[in-house]
Amino acid sequence: MTDPPSRPDARKPRSSWLELRRRLLEPTADPAAVDTAVERALREMKVPVIWLLGTAQSGKTSIVRALTGAANAEIGNGFQPCTRTACMYDFPEAAPVVRFLDTRGLGEVDYDPEEDLAACEARSHQIIAVLKVTDTRSPAVAEALHRIRRRHPDWPLIVAQTCLHEAYDSPDQPHPLPYPYAQADWEQTVPADLARLILAQRSALSGLPGQGPVWWVPIDFTLPEDGFEPADYGLEALWQALEESAVAGLRARILADPSVRDVFKRTAHPHVVGYSLATAALGAVPLIDLAAVPAVQARLLQVLAAVYGVRWTRRAAAEFLALLGTGVAVSYGTRMAGRSLAKLIPGWGQTAGAAWAAASSGATTYALGKSACLYLQARRDGLSIDPEPLRKEFAQALRQGRNLIGGRRPPAP
């Protein structure tokens, strides 16, 4: 007779919370080891990869800036080489919710894109072809798209037609508002030269092989000092195309609720989501979450403290946990033990049990992160902290986290 598999004992609910408490009270714990675990978890989970394919100066960086809210300098410094001439930008860097691939500008002299195209095809979930609207001749982009669609006829494609203002009748002409390009008669409401250029580009790519859907999205992402309002003209249409294509749910991962105006909360949101997704991936592995998940959650709270400009000390960590209260502590520990027990149930534990465990790990991390934002904001503003709103935030965020983590995986490329 074989011995039954070992299981977490009845003390696990308490020990799980104590493990998180121990890690939170040690803010100097090595972040590099945790970041490595997060990177490995997210790699296994397949973070959505958006491939920006276009010529130089076509507006690829502006698209990344508009989608993420990151500054141009941050994006420029954030792209890391993944081949000799292609780069990857993780957002946020330590626990990304999305990755952007950028190849060298197609059509440049002495540049053979074959290696880059093969490497990017293998890892991308969505292609955004970026065409400057005044660029009437983009044979390199057209050729690349034809080759990709011949090999992947079902792949959806978004074509972003950029720099619209360069085709306006005068330099100070405003954007046509409301955004007209989703209407059937858009050609009658935009400058005639611009309409001609847009249609010419669409005609040039009308013969793309394959049956995958194509979204044509005219956009004009400028800087505030350029004087065009809005500076993110067409962003809503681009988001809609992304939601309808291969990366549904991306907007919720990157952006906080539109009603959230606080810059700190908006900056913190993708960090909270990224670490929540990482703990969801770790939480699907039997028993591993009892040690790994609290470490990742502790790392998230350190990152959030840096966003808010608050020192994450032993005293701050102890105060935050005390304000959350024993009810949250018991709930946290019970959930941790329940996840590991569920994954050990033969059959069910390896399928539905593992999925439930992953979602529970991610949702708990999301709730900790969101309640920490409330705590850190009060600390930053020098306000007294009422525990009741903090606990309500935890409970509400736990429900939101379950919904968010439930649809975490993008389709396979």
Protein backbone atom coordinates (compact mmCIF):
# COMPACT_ATOMS: atom_id res chain seq x y z
CA MET A 1 0.00 0.00 0.00
CA THR A 2 1.36 3.38 -0.96
CA ASP A 3 1.28 6.31 1.38
CA PRO A 4 -1.21 9.07 0.58
CA PRO A 5 0.28 12.30 -0.73
CA SER A 6 1.31 14.77 1.90
CA ARG A 7 -1.09 17.62 2.44
CA PRO A 8 -0.92 20.98 4.15
CA ASP A 9 -1.93 20.48 7.77
CA ALA A 10 -4.55 22.36 9.72
CA ARG A 11 -2.03 24.97 10.82
CA LYS A 12 -1.51 26.22 7.26
CA PRO A 13 -4.11 29.03 7.36
CA ARG A 14 -2.20 30.65 10.21
CA SER A 15 1.27 29.84 8.88
CA SER A 16 0.44 31.26 5.42
CA TRP A 17 -0.52 34.61 6.89
CA LEU A 18 2.52 34.56 9.16
CA GLU A 19 4.72 33.88 6.13
CA LEU A 20 3.33 36.93 4.37
CA ARG A 21 3.73 38.96 7.57
CA ARG A 22 7.34 37.82 7.94
CA ARG A 23 8.17 38.79 4.38
CA LEU A 24 6.43 42.17 4.67
CA LEU A 25 8.36 42.93 7.82
CA GLU A 26 11.61 42.28 5.95
CA PRO A 27 11.53 45.01 3.27
CA THR A 28 15.19 44.38 2.48
CA ALA A 29 14.47 40.87 1.18
CA ASP A 30 16.31 40.22 -2.08
CA PRO A 31 14.07 41.61 -4.86
CA ALA A 32 16.16 40.09 -7.65
CA ALA A 33 15.17 36.53 -6.73
CA VAL A 34 11.49 37.49 -6.63
CA ASP A 35 11.75 39.34 -9.95
CA THR A 36 13.28 36.23 -11.51
CA ALA A 37 10.40 34.10 -10.25
CA VAL A 38 7.91 36.64 -11.59
CA GLU A 39 9.61 36.69 -14.99
CA ARG A 40 9.54 32.90 -15.18
CA ALA A 41 5.88 32.75 -14.17
CA LEU A 42 4.82 35.35 -16.72
CA ARG A 43 6.81 33.63 -19.45
CA GLU A 44 4.91 30.42 -18.78
CA MET A 45 1.62 32.34 -18.77
CA LYS A 46 2.24 33.99 -22.15
CA VAL A 47 1.90 37.71 -21.60
CA PRO A 48 0.23 39.30 -24.68
CA VAL A 49 2.82 40.46 -27.22
CA ILE A 50 1.90 43.24 -29.67
CA TRP A 51 4.14 43.47 -32.71
CA LEU A 52 4.54 46.98 -34.14
CA LEU A 53 5.47 46.63 -37.79
CA GLY A 54 6.25 49.71 -39.85
CA THR A 55 8.77 52.11 -41.29
CA ALA A 56 11.02 54.42 -39.28
CA GLN A 57 9.32 57.58 -37.92
CA SER A 58 5.85 56.15 -38.57
CA GLY A 59 4.67 56.63 -34.99
CA LYS A 60 5.30 53.26 -33.34
CA THR A 61 6.65 54.76 -30.12
CA SER A 62 3.70 57.17 -29.98
CA ILE A 63 1.33 54.19 -30.03
CA VAL A 64 3.13 52.58 -27.08
CA ARG A 65 3.01 55.89 -25.21
CA ALA A 66 -0.70 56.39 -25.84
CA LEU A 67 -1.64 52.84 -24.84
CA THR A 68 0.46 52.70 -21.68
CA GLY A 69 0.65 56.32 -20.57
CA ALA A 70 4.44 55.98 -20.25
CA ALA A 71 6.72 58.87 -21.14
CA ASN A 72 8.67 58.90 -24.40
CA ALA A 73 11.99 58.79 -22.54
CA GLU A 74 10.88 55.84 -20.45
CA ILE A 75 9.83 53.94 -23.57
CA GLY A 76 13.03 54.80 -25.38
CA ASN A 77 15.13 53.49 -22.51
CA GLY A 78 12.86 50.50 -21.90
CA PHE A 79 13.20 48.69 -25.21
CA GLN A 80 15.64 45.81 -24.82
CA PRO A 81 17.19 43.84 -27.73
CA CYS A 82 15.66 40.44 -28.49
CA THR A 83 17.42 39.94 -31.85
CA ARG A 84 20.20 41.91 -33.50
CA THR A 85 17.76 44.50 -34.85
CA ALA A 86 14.47 43.96 -32.97
CA CYS A 87 13.60 45.08 -29.42
CA MET A 88 11.05 44.25 -26.73
CA TYR A 89 9.40 46.71 -24.34
CA ASP A 90 7.82 45.30 -21.17
CA PHE A 91 5.09 47.28 -19.44
CA PRO A 92 5.48 47.54 -16.52
CA GLU A 93 9.09 46.42 -16.56
CA ALA A 94 9.28 44.05 -13.57
CA ALA A 95 5.86 42.38 -13.92
CA PRO A 96 4.57 43.15 -17.42
CA VAL A 97 0.93 42.91 -18.44
CA VAL A 98 1.84 43.47 -22.09
CA ARG A 99 4.96 43.36 -24.27
CA PHE A 100 5.60 45.40 -27.39
CA LEU A 101 7.86 44.12 -30.16
CA ASP A 102 9.47 46.69 -32.43
CA THR A 103 11.48 45.80 -35.48
CA ARG A 104 13.88 48.15 -37.16
CA GLY A 105 12.14 50.39 -39.70
CA LEU A 106 11.22 48.32 -42.73
CA GLY A 107 12.67 49.54 -45.99
CA GLU A 108 15.85 50.97 -44.46
CA VAL A 109 19.04 50.62 -46.50
CA ASP A 110 21.16 47.55 -45.71
CA TYR A 111 18.49 46.02 -43.50
CA ASP A 112 17.26 42.49 -44.20
CA PRO A 113 14.20 41.92 -41.98
CA GLU A 114 14.01 38.15 -42.54
CA GLU A 115 15.49 37.17 -39.15
CA ASP A 116 13.35 39.69 -37.28
CA LEU A 117 10.15 38.69 -39.05
CA ALA A 118 10.70 35.02 -38.22
CA ALA A 119 11.52 35.75 -34.56
CA CYS A 120 8.58 38.12 -34.08
CA GLU A 121 6.09 35.84 -35.79
CA ALA A 122 6.93 33.07 -33.35
CA ARG A 123 6.06 35.09 -30.25
CA SER A 124 3.39 37.65 -31.25
CA HIS A 125 -0.31 37.59 -30.45
CA GLN A 126 -1.30 40.72 -32.36
CA ILE A 127 0.18 42.74 -35.22
CA ILE A 128 -0.28 46.48 -35.56
CA ALA A 129 0.99 47.64 -38.95
CA VAL A 130 1.91 51.31 -38.62
CA LEU A 131 1.64 53.41 -41.79
CA LYS A 132 2.30 57.13 -41.89
CA VAL A 133 -0.62 58.43 -43.91
CA THR A 134 1.59 60.59 -46.16
CA ASP A 135 3.80 57.60 -46.97
CA THR A 136 2.19 56.56 -50.23
CA ARG A 137 4.86 54.01 -51.00
CA SER A 138 5.46 51.35 -48.34
CA PRO A 139 6.42 48.28 -50.38
CA ALA A 140 8.50 46.81 -47.56
CA VAL A 141 5.53 46.88 -45.15
CA ALA A 142 3.16 45.49 -47.80
CA GLU A 143 5.60 42.71 -48.67
CA ALA A 144 6.07 41.75 -45.02
CA LEU A 145 2.31 41.68 -44.41
CA HIS A 146 1.73 39.52 -47.50
CA ARG A 147 4.31 37.01 -46.30
CA ILE A 148 2.89 36.90 -42.78
CA ARG A 149 -0.70 36.48 -43.92
CA ARG A 150 0.24 33.73 -46.36
CA ARG A 151 1.71 31.76 -43.46
CA HIS A 152 -1.04 32.76 -41.01
CA PRO A 153 -4.21 33.41 -43.03
CA ASP A 154 -6.45 33.57 -39.92
CA TRP A 155 -4.41 36.16 -38.03
CA PRO A 156 -6.27 39.41 -37.31
CA LEU A 157 -4.52 42.61 -38.38
CA ILE A 158 -4.79 46.20 -37.20
CA VAL A 159 -3.51 48.86 -39.59
CA ALA A 160 -2.87 52.17 -37.84
CA GLN A 161 -2.75 55.10 -40.28
CA THR A 162 -0.79 57.78 -38.45
CA CYS A 163 0.22 61.47 -38.52
CA LEU A 164 -3.09 62.60 -40.02
CA HIS A 165 -2.41 66.30 -39.40
CA GLU A 166 0.41 66.25 -41.96
CA ALA A 167 -2.25 66.00 -44.67
CA TYR A 168 -4.53 68.77 -43.37
CA ASP A 169 -5.18 71.82 -45.52
CA SER A 170 -3.26 74.12 -43.15
CA PRO A 171 -0.86 73.63 -40.20
CA ASP A 172 -3.36 75.06 -37.70
CA GLN A 173 -6.39 73.09 -38.90
CA PRO A 174 -7.98 71.18 -35.98
CA HIS A 175 -8.91 67.51 -35.98
CA PRO A 176 -12.42 66.80 -37.28
CA LEU A 177 -14.61 66.15 -34.23
CA PRO A 178 -16.30 64.01 -33.24
CA TYR A 179 -13.98 61.28 -34.54
CA PRO A 180 -15.57 60.52 -37.93
CA TYR A 181 -13.73 57.44 -39.22
CA ALA A 182 -16.12 54.88 -37.79
CA GLN A 183 -18.97 56.36 -39.87
CA ALA A 184 -19.87 55.22 -43.36
CA ASP A 185 -19.61 58.76 -44.79
CA TRP A 186 -16.29 59.69 -43.14
CA GLU A 187 -14.77 60.74 -46.48
CA GLN A 188 -17.20 63.68 -46.63
CA THR A 189 -16.15 65.07 -43.24
CA VAL A 190 -12.32 65.09 -43.47
CA PRO A 191 -9.97 67.12 -45.70
CA ALA A 192 -10.08 65.87 -49.30
CA ASP A 193 -6.33 65.26 -49.57
CA LEU A 194 -6.35 63.25 -46.34
CA ALA A 195 -9.27 61.12 -47.52
CA ARG A 196 -7.45 60.42 -50.79
CA LEU A 197 -4.27 59.29 -48.96
CA ILE A 198 -6.18 57.07 -46.54
CA LEU A 199 -8.04 55.37 -49.37
CA ALA A 200 -4.85 54.95 -51.42
CA GLN A 201 -3.14 53.07 -48.60
CA ARG A 202 -6.15 50.86 -48.07
CA SER A 203 -6.32 50.09 -51.76
CA ALA A 204 -2.63 49.15 -51.83
CA LEU A 205 -3.23 46.53 -49.13
CA SER A 206 -6.63 45.37 -50.33
CA GLY A 207 -5.15 42.21 -51.83
CA LEU A 208 -3.74 40.78 -48.59
CA PRO A 209 -4.10 37.00 -48.52
CA GLY A 210 -6.06 35.20 -45.84
CA GLN A 211 -9.46 35.62 -44.28
CA GLY A 212 -8.45 37.11 -40.93
CA PRO A 213 -10.25 40.40 -40.15
CA VAL A 214 -8.52 43.73 -40.79
CA TRP A 215 -9.18 46.89 -38.77
CA TRP A 216 -8.24 50.23 -40.34
CA VAL A 217 -7.71 52.82 -37.61
CA PRO A 218 -6.70 56.42 -38.50
CA ILE A 219 -4.94 57.96 -35.49
CA ASP A 220 -2.88 61.04 -34.65
CA PHE A 221 -0.92 60.80 -31.40
CA THR A 222 0.93 64.05 -30.74
CA LEU A 223 2.54 65.83 -27.80
CA PRO A 224 0.59 68.54 -25.94
CA GLU A 225 3.00 71.21 -27.17
CA ASP A 226 2.12 70.34 -30.79
CA GLY A 227 -1.21 72.10 -30.27
CA PHE A 228 -3.62 69.43 -31.52
CA GLU A 229 -6.63 68.49 -29.42
CA PRO A 230 -7.03 65.80 -28.36
CA ALA A 231 -3.39 64.73 -28.33
CA ASP A 232 -4.47 61.06 -28.45
CA TYR A 233 -6.81 61.45 -31.42
CA GLY A 234 -8.31 58.06 -32.36
CA LEU A 235 -7.12 56.24 -29.23
CA GLU A 236 -10.60 54.97 -28.40
CA ALA A 237 -10.89 53.46 -31.89
CA LEU A 238 -7.53 51.74 -31.46
CA TRP A 239 -8.58 50.31 -28.09
CA GLN A 240 -11.78 49.03 -29.65
CA ALA A 241 -9.85 47.29 -32.42
CA LEU A 242 -7.53 45.67 -29.87
CA GLU A 243 -10.49 44.48 -27.80
CA GLU A 244 -12.20 43.00 -30.85
CA SER A 245 -9.11 41.25 -32.17
CA ALA A 246 -6.75 38.93 -30.31
CA VAL A 247 -6.06 40.66 -27.00
CA ALA A 248 -9.42 41.18 -25.31
CA GLY A 249 -9.13 42.43 -21.75
CA LEU A 250 -5.85 44.25 -22.33
CA ARG A 251 -7.34 47.64 -21.58
CA ALA A 252 -8.44 46.56 -18.10
CA ARG A 253 -4.94 45.29 -17.42
CA ILE A 254 -3.18 48.49 -18.42
CA LEU A 255 -5.63 51.16 -17.31
CA ALA A 256 -7.50 51.71 -14.08
CA ASP A 257 -11.22 52.47 -14.19
CA PRO A 258 -11.77 55.62 -16.34
CA SER A 259 -13.30 57.37 -13.31
CA VAL A 260 -9.96 57.14 -11.50
CA ARG A 261 -8.24 60.49 -11.92
CA ASP A 262 -5.55 60.08 -9.29
CA VAL A 263 -2.20 59.79 -11.08
CA PHE A 264 -0.73 57.53 -8.40
CA LYS A 265 -3.59 55.03 -8.62
CA ARG A 266 -3.39 55.01 -12.40
CA THR A 267 0.37 54.47 -12.30
CA ALA A 268 0.04 51.73 -9.70
CA HIS A 269 -2.70 49.79 -11.50
CA PRO A 270 -0.62 47.91 -14.12
CA HIS A 271 1.89 46.96 -11.41
CA VAL A 272 -0.92 45.48 -9.32
CA VAL A 273 -2.23 43.57 -12.34
CA GLY A 274 1.21 42.33 -13.39
CA TYR A 275 2.07 40.87 -10.01
CA SER A 276 -1.44 39.44 -9.69
CA LEU A 277 -1.02 37.61 -12.98
CA ALA A 278 2.36 36.32 -11.81
CA THR A 279 0.94 34.92 -8.58
CA ALA A 280 -1.91 33.38 -10.57
CA ALA A 281 0.66 31.50 -12.64
CA LEU A 282 2.58 30.45 -9.52
CA GLY A 283 -0.63 29.52 -7.74
CA ALA A 284 -1.49 26.89 -10.35
CA VAL A 285 1.49 24.74 -9.26
CA PRO A 286 0.74 22.38 -6.33
CA LEU A 287 2.23 23.55 -3.00
CA ILE A 288 4.57 26.10 -4.56
CA ASP A 289 2.33 29.03 -3.71
CA LEU A 290 2.73 28.48 0.03
CA ALA A 291 6.24 29.92 -0.26
CA ALA A 292 6.42 31.79 -3.57
CA VAL A 293 3.17 33.75 -3.57
CA PRO A 294 3.76 35.65 -0.29
CA ALA A 295 7.22 36.63 -1.55
CA VAL A 296 5.79 38.05 -4.76
CA GLN A 297 3.03 39.85 -2.86
CA ALA A 298 5.61 41.40 -0.55
CA ARG A 299 7.60 42.56 -3.57
CA LEU A 300 4.47 44.18 -5.05
CA LEU A 301 3.92 46.22 -1.89
CA GLN A 302 7.51 47.46 -2.03
CA VAL A 303 7.01 48.50 -5.66
CA LEU A 304 3.78 50.32 -4.83
CA ALA A 305 5.45 52.17 -1.96
CA ALA A 306 8.06 53.43 -4.44
CA VAL A 307 5.27 54.61 -6.79
CA TYR A 308 3.73 56.64 -3.97
CA GLY A 309 7.08 57.89 -2.70
CA VAL A 310 6.52 56.31 0.72
CA ARG A 311 9.26 54.42 2.56
CA TRP A 312 8.20 50.80 3.03
CA THR A 313 9.62 50.15 6.48
CA ARG A 314 8.98 47.43 9.02
CA ARG A 315 6.75 49.87 10.91
CA ALA A 316 4.70 50.71 7.78
CA ALA A 317 4.24 47.02 6.94
CA ALA A 318 3.13 46.19 10.48
CA GLU A 319 0.66 49.10 10.49
CA PHE A 320 -0.82 48.07 7.13
CA LEU A 321 -1.37 44.48 8.27
CA ALA A 322 -2.86 45.62 11.58
CA LEU A 323 -5.31 47.91 9.77
CA LEU A 324 -6.42 45.07 7.49
CA GLY A 325 -7.30 43.15 10.65
CA THR A 326 -7.60 39.58 11.81
CA GLY A 327 -10.60 38.89 9.58
CA VAL A 328 -8.57 39.48 6.45
CA ALA A 329 -5.70 37.49 7.99
CA VAL A 330 -7.88 34.42 8.58
CA SER A 331 -9.45 34.73 5.14
CA TYR A 332 -6.01 35.01 3.53
CA GLY A 333 -4.59 32.00 5.34
CA THR A 334 -7.66 29.84 4.71
CA ARG A 335 -7.59 30.72 1.02
CA MET A 336 -3.90 29.82 0.78
CA ALA A 337 -4.44 26.42 2.38
CA GLY A 338 -7.57 25.79 0.31
CA ARG A 339 -5.71 26.43 -2.92
CA SER A 340 -3.04 23.87 -2.17
CA LEU A 341 -5.52 21.29 -0.93
CA ALA A 342 -7.68 21.73 -4.03
CA LYS A 343 -4.74 21.12 -6.35
CA LEU A 344 -3.97 17.80 -4.62
CA ILE A 345 -7.40 16.28 -5.31
CA PRO A 346 -6.85 13.63 -8.04
CA GLY A 347 -8.32 14.58 -11.41
CA TRP A 348 -10.24 17.66 -10.37
CA GLY A 349 -7.22 19.16 -8.65
CA GLN A 350 -5.13 19.05 -11.81
CA THR A 351 -7.78 20.83 -13.91
CA ALA A 352 -10.56 22.84 -12.31
CA GLY A 353 -8.81 22.82 -8.92
CA ALA A 354 -5.62 24.26 -10.37
CA ALA A 355 -7.58 26.91 -12.28
CA TRP A 356 -9.46 27.90 -9.13
CA ALA A 357 -6.22 28.00 -7.17
CA ALA A 358 -4.57 30.22 -9.78
CA ALA A 359 -7.49 32.65 -9.86
CA SER A 360 -7.60 32.74 -6.06
CA SER A 361 -3.86 33.50 -5.80
CA GLY A 362 -4.13 36.30 -8.35
CA ALA A 363 -7.29 37.78 -6.83
CA THR A 364 -5.76 37.85 -3.35
CA THR A 365 -2.68 39.65 -4.69
CA TYR A 366 -4.91 42.13 -6.51
CA ALA A 367 -6.84 42.84 -3.29
CA LEU A 368 -3.66 43.35 -1.30
CA GLY A 369 -2.31 45.71 -3.95
CA LYS A 370 -5.44 47.83 -4.23
CA SER A 371 -5.89 48.14 -0.47
CA ALA A 372 -2.19 49.02 -0.18
CA CYS A 373 -2.74 51.88 -2.64
CA LEU A 374 -5.42 53.31 -0.34
CA TYR A 375 -3.07 52.99 2.64
CA LEU A 376 -0.08 54.49 0.83
CA GLN A 377 -2.11 57.44 -0.48
CA ALA A 378 -3.17 58.31 3.07
CA ARG A 379 0.42 57.99 4.27
CA ARG A 380 1.62 60.20 1.44
CA ASP A 381 -0.99 62.87 2.24
CA GLY A 382 -0.29 62.70 5.98
CA LEU A 383 -3.85 61.62 6.81
CA SER A 384 -5.08 59.37 9.56
CA ILE A 385 -6.10 55.95 8.26
CA ASP A 386 -9.51 54.46 9.03
CA PRO A 387 -9.34 50.64 8.89
CA GLU A 388 -12.94 50.23 7.72
CA PRO A 389 -12.49 51.71 4.20
CA LEU A 390 -9.28 49.73 3.88
CA ARG A 391 -11.06 46.44 4.61
CA LYS A 392 -13.92 47.33 2.29
CA GLU A 393 -11.40 48.07 -0.45
CA PHE A 394 -9.81 44.65 0.10
CA ALA A 395 -13.17 42.87 -0.16
CA GLN A 396 -14.25 44.79 -3.26
CA ALA A 397 -10.87 44.34 -4.97
CA LEU A 398 -10.98 40.62 -4.23
CA ARG A 399 -14.15 40.36 -6.33
CA GLN A 400 -12.66 42.54 -9.09
CA GLY A 401 -9.49 40.48 -9.08
CA ARG A 402 -11.40 37.25 -9.63
CA ASN A 403 -13.04 38.74 -12.73
CA LEU A 404 -9.78 40.13 -14.07
CA ILE A 405 -7.66 37.04 -13.50
CA GLY A 406 -10.35 34.72 -14.85
CA GLY A 407 -9.59 35.75 -18.47
CA ARG A 408 -5.86 36.14 -18.09
CA ARG A 409 -4.53 34.01 -20.96
CA PRO A 410 -4.25 35.41 -24.49
CA PRO A 411 -4.78 33.07 -27.44
CA ALA A 412 -1.80 31.08 -28.60
CA PRO A 413 0.08 32.66 -31.54
